[in-house]
Amino acid sequence: MKPIVLDASAGLTLVREEDGSAGVSALIADRLAAGIAVPPIFWLEVVNVLARRYGYSGASVMEAVHTLEAIGVHTLETDRPALLAIIDLAERHHLTAYDAAYLALADSLDAELATADRRMALAAGDRGLLIGPEQGIAEERAAYCPREPTWPSWPDAGAYLAELRSAL
């Protein structure tokens, strides 16, 4: 059984008890032994959405964060090699760096990505687990159109990758 990476939309679906929260709960219960991971940006996104978009009080935001921590979510830091994967995925799939961080983490863990965002699920391909309403949610952003990466053409890309590899 593969671990899962939970993105902020899936976490928010759970704590706000939105359509699909039962599915997220079941998925978490099923995969707890395999592992549930998030990148550090997850927590900032959850806090921001609850406080700014939904007007939650500080106490309610803290309660939601506690709920998510209590289900066994593990935060895995984004290191420099992961940052390169994020750059690549953001460019290839027209994702924000924040969204690409979730996908890069799922790729690095050979995990599935649980999301309520249909564009994220599309970018994740076979790794994508779309939760919530059938059509998912969609943030306003550029249209999805995969493209070839340009970062390998940066003249210092090879040297930078060698430096990162030597640090491992």
Protein backbone atom coordinates (compact mmCIF):
# COMPACT_ATOMS: atom_id res chain seq x y z
CA MET A 1 0.00 0.00 0.00
CA LYS A 2 1.37 3.39 -0.97
CA PRO A 3 1.62 6.35 1.38
CA ILE A 4 -0.36 9.48 0.61
CA VAL A 5 0.55 13.12 0.38
CA LEU A 6 -2.32 15.27 1.56
CA ASP A 7 -2.60 18.68 -0.08
CA ALA A 8 -4.18 21.68 1.64
CA SER A 9 -7.46 21.32 -0.26
CA ALA A 10 -7.87 17.77 1.06
CA GLY A 11 -6.90 18.82 4.58
CA LEU A 12 -9.36 21.71 4.48
CA THR A 13 -12.09 19.40 3.19
CA LEU A 14 -11.53 17.26 6.25
CA VAL A 15 -11.43 19.96 8.94
CA ARG A 16 -14.28 21.97 7.42
CA GLU A 17 -16.37 18.81 7.00
CA GLU A 18 -17.04 19.69 3.37
CA ASP A 19 -18.39 17.37 0.67
CA GLY A 20 -15.81 14.61 0.49
CA SER A 21 -14.65 14.77 4.11
CA ALA A 22 -15.85 11.21 4.75
CA GLY A 23 -13.75 10.05 1.82
CA VAL A 24 -10.67 11.84 3.16
CA SER A 25 -11.25 10.31 6.61
CA ALA A 26 -11.57 6.83 5.11
CA LEU A 27 -8.45 7.32 2.98
CA ILE A 28 -6.46 8.46 6.01
CA ALA A 29 -7.65 5.53 8.12
CA ASP A 30 -6.76 3.14 5.30
CA ARG A 31 -3.28 4.59 4.69
CA LEU A 32 -2.21 5.52 8.21
CA ALA A 33 0.19 2.58 8.43
CA ALA A 34 1.72 3.44 5.03
CA GLY A 35 2.17 7.09 6.02
CA ILE A 36 0.57 10.47 5.47
CA ALA A 37 2.95 13.25 4.50
CA VAL A 38 2.76 16.96 3.75
CA PRO A 39 5.34 19.57 2.74
CA PRO A 40 5.82 22.50 5.16
CA ILE A 41 3.70 24.81 2.97
CA PHE A 42 0.65 22.70 3.87
CA TRP A 43 0.36 24.27 7.32
CA LEU A 44 0.68 27.85 6.04
CA GLU A 45 -1.93 27.24 3.36
CA VAL A 46 -4.38 25.71 5.85
CA VAL A 47 -3.94 28.59 8.32
CA ASN A 48 -4.21 31.21 5.59
CA VAL A 49 -7.36 29.79 4.02
CA LEU A 50 -9.13 29.27 7.34
CA ALA A 51 -8.23 32.73 8.67
CA ARG A 52 -8.41 34.85 5.52
CA ARG A 53 -10.95 33.16 3.28
CA TYR A 54 -13.29 31.75 5.90
CA GLY A 55 -12.71 34.20 8.76
CA TYR A 56 -11.97 31.58 11.40
CA SER A 57 -10.87 32.89 14.79
CA GLY A 58 -7.36 32.11 15.97
CA ALA A 59 -8.76 29.54 18.39
CA SER A 60 -10.68 27.79 15.59
CA VAL A 61 -7.60 27.77 13.36
CA MET A 62 -5.55 26.24 16.18
CA GLU A 63 -8.21 23.59 16.70
CA ALA A 64 -8.16 22.72 12.99
CA VAL A 65 -4.35 22.47 12.97
CA HIS A 66 -4.50 20.26 16.06
CA THR A 67 -7.06 18.02 14.36
CA LEU A 68 -4.79 17.58 11.35
CA GLU A 69 -1.73 16.89 13.51
CA ALA A 70 -3.69 14.35 15.56
CA ILE A 71 -4.45 12.19 12.51
CA GLY A 72 -0.76 11.42 12.10
CA VAL A 73 0.35 13.78 9.37
CA HIS A 74 4.15 13.94 8.99
CA THR A 75 5.75 17.14 7.70
CA LEU A 76 8.73 16.47 5.45
CA GLU A 77 11.08 19.35 4.79
CA THR A 78 11.80 20.55 1.28
CA ASP A 79 15.53 20.22 0.62
CA ARG A 80 17.52 21.65 -2.25
CA PRO A 81 17.16 18.63 -4.57
CA ALA A 82 13.40 18.73 -3.98
CA LEU A 83 13.45 22.39 -4.91
CA LEU A 84 14.82 21.45 -8.34
CA ALA A 85 11.99 18.94 -8.77
CA ILE A 86 9.52 21.66 -7.77
CA ILE A 87 10.93 24.02 -10.39
CA ASP A 88 10.66 21.29 -13.01
CA LEU A 89 7.09 20.28 -12.09
CA ALA A 90 5.90 23.89 -11.84
CA GLU A 91 7.16 24.56 -15.34
CA ARG A 92 6.01 21.29 -16.91
CA HIS A 93 2.49 21.43 -15.51
CA HIS A 94 1.89 25.16 -15.09
CA LEU A 95 1.58 24.73 -11.32
CA THR A 96 2.34 27.20 -8.60
CA ALA A 97 5.51 26.34 -6.70
CA TYR A 98 3.25 25.58 -3.75
CA ASP A 99 1.23 23.01 -5.69
CA ALA A 100 4.37 21.57 -7.29
CA ALA A 101 5.79 20.98 -3.78
CA TYR A 102 2.99 18.51 -3.07
CA LEU A 103 3.55 16.69 -6.34
CA ALA A 104 7.33 16.61 -5.87
CA LEU A 105 6.85 15.11 -2.40
CA ALA A 106 4.47 12.48 -3.78
CA ASP A 107 6.97 11.63 -6.52
CA SER A 108 9.87 11.35 -4.06
CA LEU A 109 7.89 9.05 -1.74
CA ASP A 110 6.28 7.04 -4.56
CA ALA A 111 3.03 8.13 -2.92
CA GLU A 112 -0.40 9.09 -4.13
CA LEU A 113 -1.56 12.70 -3.92
CA ALA A 114 -4.95 13.30 -2.28
CA THR A 115 -6.43 16.57 -3.50
CA ALA A 116 -9.76 18.27 -4.06
CA ASP A 117 -8.20 20.31 -6.88
CA ARG A 118 -8.92 18.70 -10.26
CA ARG A 119 -5.94 20.39 -11.94
CA MET A 120 -3.61 19.02 -9.29
CA ALA A 121 -5.10 15.56 -9.76
CA LEU A 122 -4.60 15.90 -13.52
CA ALA A 123 -0.97 16.97 -13.10
CA ALA A 124 -0.40 14.05 -10.70
CA GLY A 125 -1.58 11.56 -13.30
CA ASP A 126 -1.81 8.05 -11.85
CA ARG A 127 -0.74 9.40 -8.46
CA GLY A 128 -3.76 11.70 -8.24
CA LEU A 129 -6.64 10.87 -5.90
CA LEU A 130 -9.41 13.40 -6.51
CA ILE A 131 -11.59 13.74 -3.42
CA GLY A 132 -14.73 15.74 -2.87
CA PRO A 133 -17.20 16.74 -5.58
CA GLU A 134 -16.81 14.78 -8.79
CA GLN A 135 -15.65 17.81 -10.74
CA GLY A 136 -13.31 18.92 -7.94
CA ILE A 137 -12.44 22.50 -7.20
CA ALA A 138 -10.43 24.75 -9.45
CA GLU A 139 -8.43 27.81 -8.60
CA GLU A 140 -7.99 30.53 -11.19
CA ARG A 141 -4.69 29.99 -12.94
CA ALA A 142 -3.21 29.44 -16.34
CA ALA A 143 -4.74 26.71 -18.46
CA TYR A 144 -3.19 23.27 -18.10
CA CYS A 145 -0.83 22.59 -20.95
CA PRO A 146 2.21 20.39 -20.31
CA ARG A 147 5.43 21.62 -21.81
CA GLU A 148 9.05 20.67 -21.96
CA PRO A 149 11.25 22.05 -19.17
CA THR A 150 13.72 24.81 -19.89
CA TRP A 151 15.77 24.59 -16.70
CA PRO A 152 18.22 22.01 -18.19
CA SER A 153 19.28 24.68 -20.69
CA TRP A 154 20.58 26.91 -17.88
CA PRO A 155 24.37 26.88 -18.41
CA ASP A 156 25.14 26.15 -14.75
CA ALA A 157 22.46 23.46 -14.29
CA GLY A 158 24.94 20.56 -14.51
CA ALA A 159 27.35 22.09 -12.00
CA TYR A 160 24.52 22.89 -9.61
CA LEU A 161 23.16 19.34 -9.81
CA ALA A 162 26.66 17.93 -9.21
CA GLU A 163 27.01 20.18 -6.14
CA LEU A 164 23.70 18.94 -4.79
CA ARG A 165 24.60 15.30 -5.41
CA SER A 166 27.92 15.69 -3.61
CA ALA A 167 26.09 17.06 -0.56
CA LEU A 168 24.03 13.84 -0.20
